[in-house]
Amino acid sequence: MGRSIPRVGDDEITIAIGKRLRQARIDKHLSIAEAAERADIARQTLSDIERGRKDAKSSTLWRILDALRCDANTIVYDDDVVITS
């Protein structure tokens, strides 16, 4: 059988997505202000999402991913935990 996928709660999902978005932004050498401007969202909104304080609406998440030129799989999957709902 395939590997077991650990389940995580909503709070863990929000935090994990935020951490991965932050890392993707840092990897692209972008400040929060630069990434937020590219995504056409408020800097504080991006900061709150990266810190896991706010859930990103799907349209906002899509704009952030586009601004970072980042594939959604990069944000949703990692080696240890797969975000599912």
C-alpha atoms as a PDB file:
ATOM      1  CA  MET A   1       0.000   0.000   0.000  1.00  0.00           C
ATOM      2  CA  GLY A   2       0.976   3.657  -0.413  1.00  0.00           C
ATOM      3  CA  ARG A   3       2.262   5.824   2.331  1.00  0.00           C
ATOM      4  CA  SER A   4      -0.180   7.039   4.953  1.00  0.00           C
ATOM      5  CA  ILE A   5      -1.074  10.702   4.759  1.00  0.00           C
ATOM      6  CA  PRO A   6      -1.242  12.409   8.160  1.00  0.00           C
ATOM      7  CA  ARG A   7      -4.362  14.486   8.689  1.00  0.00           C
ATOM      8  CA  VAL A   8      -4.066  17.974  10.116  1.00  0.00           C
ATOM      9  CA  GLY A   9      -6.602  20.435  11.477  1.00  0.00           C
ATOM     10  CA  ASP A  10      -7.646  23.746   9.965  1.00  0.00           C
ATOM     11  CA  ASP A  11      -5.303  25.799  12.170  1.00  0.00           C
ATOM     12  CA  GLU A  12      -2.325  23.676  11.186  1.00  0.00           C
ATOM     13  CA  ILE A  13      -3.263  24.054   7.526  1.00  0.00           C
ATOM     14  CA  THR A  14      -3.420  27.843   7.815  1.00  0.00           C
ATOM     15  CA  ILE A  15      -0.054  27.954   9.604  1.00  0.00           C
ATOM     16  CA  ALA A  16       1.609  25.504   7.186  1.00  0.00           C
ATOM     17  CA  ILE A  17       0.415  27.391   4.105  1.00  0.00           C
ATOM     18  CA  GLY A  18       1.588  30.671   5.612  1.00  0.00           C
ATOM     19  CA  LYS A  19       5.051  29.294   6.401  1.00  0.00           C
ATOM     20  CA  ARG A  20       5.430  27.856   2.916  1.00  0.00           C
ATOM     21  CA  LEU A  21       4.306  31.093   1.272  1.00  0.00           C
ATOM     22  CA  ARG A  22       6.799  33.033   3.378  1.00  0.00           C
ATOM     23  CA  GLN A  23       9.597  30.658   2.417  1.00  0.00           C
ATOM     24  CA  ALA A  24       8.664  30.894  -1.266  1.00  0.00           C
ATOM     25  CA  ARG A  25       8.718  34.695  -1.007  1.00  0.00           C
ATOM     26  CA  ILE A  26      12.109  34.672   0.714  1.00  0.00           C
ATOM     27  CA  ASP A  27      13.465  32.231  -1.870  1.00  0.00           C
ATOM     28  CA  LYS A  28      12.454  34.752  -4.564  1.00  0.00           C
ATOM     29  CA  HIS A  29      14.240  37.538  -2.630  1.00  0.00           C
ATOM     30  CA  LEU A  30      11.050  39.585  -2.308  1.00  0.00           C
ATOM     31  CA  SER A  31      10.000  41.758   0.596  1.00  0.00           C
ATOM     32  CA  ILE A  32       6.453  41.487   1.890  1.00  0.00           C
ATOM     33  CA  ALA A  33       5.734  44.872   0.320  1.00  0.00           C
ATOM     34  CA  GLU A  34       7.050  43.774  -3.089  1.00  0.00           C
ATOM     35  CA  ALA A  35       5.137  40.487  -3.046  1.00  0.00           C
ATOM     36  CA  ALA A  36       1.948  42.158  -1.857  1.00  0.00           C
ATOM     37  CA  GLU A  37       2.197  44.767  -4.600  1.00  0.00           C
ATOM     38  CA  ARG A  38       2.700  42.058  -7.243  1.00  0.00           C
ATOM     39  CA  ALA A  39      -0.320  40.174  -5.856  1.00  0.00           C
ATOM     40  CA  ASP A  40      -2.373  43.387  -5.624  1.00  0.00           C
ATOM     41  CA  ILE A  41      -3.174  42.824  -1.953  1.00  0.00           C
ATOM     42  CA  ALA A  42      -2.437  44.817   1.191  1.00  0.00           C
ATOM     43  CA  ARG A  43       0.952  44.246   2.803  1.00  0.00           C
ATOM     44  CA  GLN A  44      -0.778  43.556   6.122  1.00  0.00           C
ATOM     45  CA  THR A  45      -2.977  40.910   4.486  1.00  0.00           C
ATOM     46  CA  LEU A  46       0.063  39.047   3.177  1.00  0.00           C
ATOM     47  CA  SER A  47       1.789  39.382   6.540  1.00  0.00           C
ATOM     48  CA  ASP A  48      -1.267  37.968   8.350  1.00  0.00           C
ATOM     49  CA  ILE A  49      -1.498  35.046   5.902  1.00  0.00           C
ATOM     50  CA  GLU A  50       2.212  34.251   6.239  1.00  0.00           C
ATOM     51  CA  ARG A  51       1.917  34.273  10.042  1.00  0.00           C
ATOM     52  CA  GLY A  52      -1.110  31.974   9.989  1.00  0.00           C
ATOM     53  CA  ARG A  53      -3.315  34.660  11.502  1.00  0.00           C
ATOM     54  CA  LYS A  54      -5.643  34.809   8.512  1.00  0.00           C
ATOM     55  CA  ASP A  55      -6.980  32.277   6.045  1.00  0.00           C
ATOM     56  CA  ALA A  56      -6.427  33.254   2.442  1.00  0.00           C
ATOM     57  CA  LYS A  57      -9.463  33.175   0.201  1.00  0.00           C
ATOM     58  CA  SER A  58      -8.815  31.013  -2.825  1.00  0.00           C
ATOM     59  CA  SER A  59      -8.690  34.057  -5.108  1.00  0.00           C
ATOM     60  CA  THR A  60      -6.155  35.762  -2.824  1.00  0.00           C
ATOM     61  CA  LEU A  61      -4.055  32.620  -2.578  1.00  0.00           C
ATOM     62  CA  TRP A  62      -4.083  32.315  -6.363  1.00  0.00           C
ATOM     63  CA  ARG A  63      -2.871  35.937  -6.737  1.00  0.00           C
ATOM     64  CA  ILE A  64      -0.081  35.339  -4.216  1.00  0.00           C
ATOM     65  CA  LEU A  65       1.009  32.165  -5.988  1.00  0.00           C
ATOM     66  CA  ASP A  66       1.022  34.015  -9.312  1.00  0.00           C
ATOM     67  CA  ALA A  67       3.018  36.897  -7.827  1.00  0.00           C
ATOM     68  CA  LEU A  68       5.582  34.442  -6.464  1.00  0.00           C
ATOM     69  CA  ARG A  69       5.566  32.375  -9.678  1.00  0.00           C
ATOM     70  CA  CYS A  70       4.959  29.428  -7.397  1.00  0.00           C
ATOM     71  CA  ASP A  71       3.076  26.219  -8.129  1.00  0.00           C
ATOM     72  CA  ALA A  72       0.236  25.397  -5.726  1.00  0.00           C
ATOM     73  CA  ASN A  73       1.731  21.938  -5.118  1.00  0.00           C
ATOM     74  CA  THR A  74       4.795  23.614  -3.632  1.00  0.00           C
ATOM     75  CA  ILE A  75       2.577  25.220  -1.006  1.00  0.00           C
ATOM     76  CA  VAL A  76       0.194  22.322  -0.386  1.00  0.00           C
ATOM     77  CA  TYR A  77       2.647  19.415  -0.257  1.00  0.00           C
ATOM     78  CA  ASP A  78       5.839  18.740   1.637  1.00  0.00           C
ATOM     79  CA  ASP A  79       7.740  15.600   2.609  1.00  0.00           C
ATOM     80  CA  ASP A  80       6.085  15.107   5.984  1.00  0.00           C
ATOM     81  CA  VAL A  81       2.555  16.465   5.805  1.00  0.00           C
ATOM     82  CA  VAL A  82       0.092  16.668   2.966  1.00  0.00           C
ATOM     83  CA  ILE A  83      -2.576  19.295   3.514  1.00  0.00           C
ATOM     84  CA  THR A  84      -5.983  17.797   2.889  1.00  0.00           C
ATOM     85  CA  SER A  85      -9.437  18.731   4.012  1.00  0.00           C
END
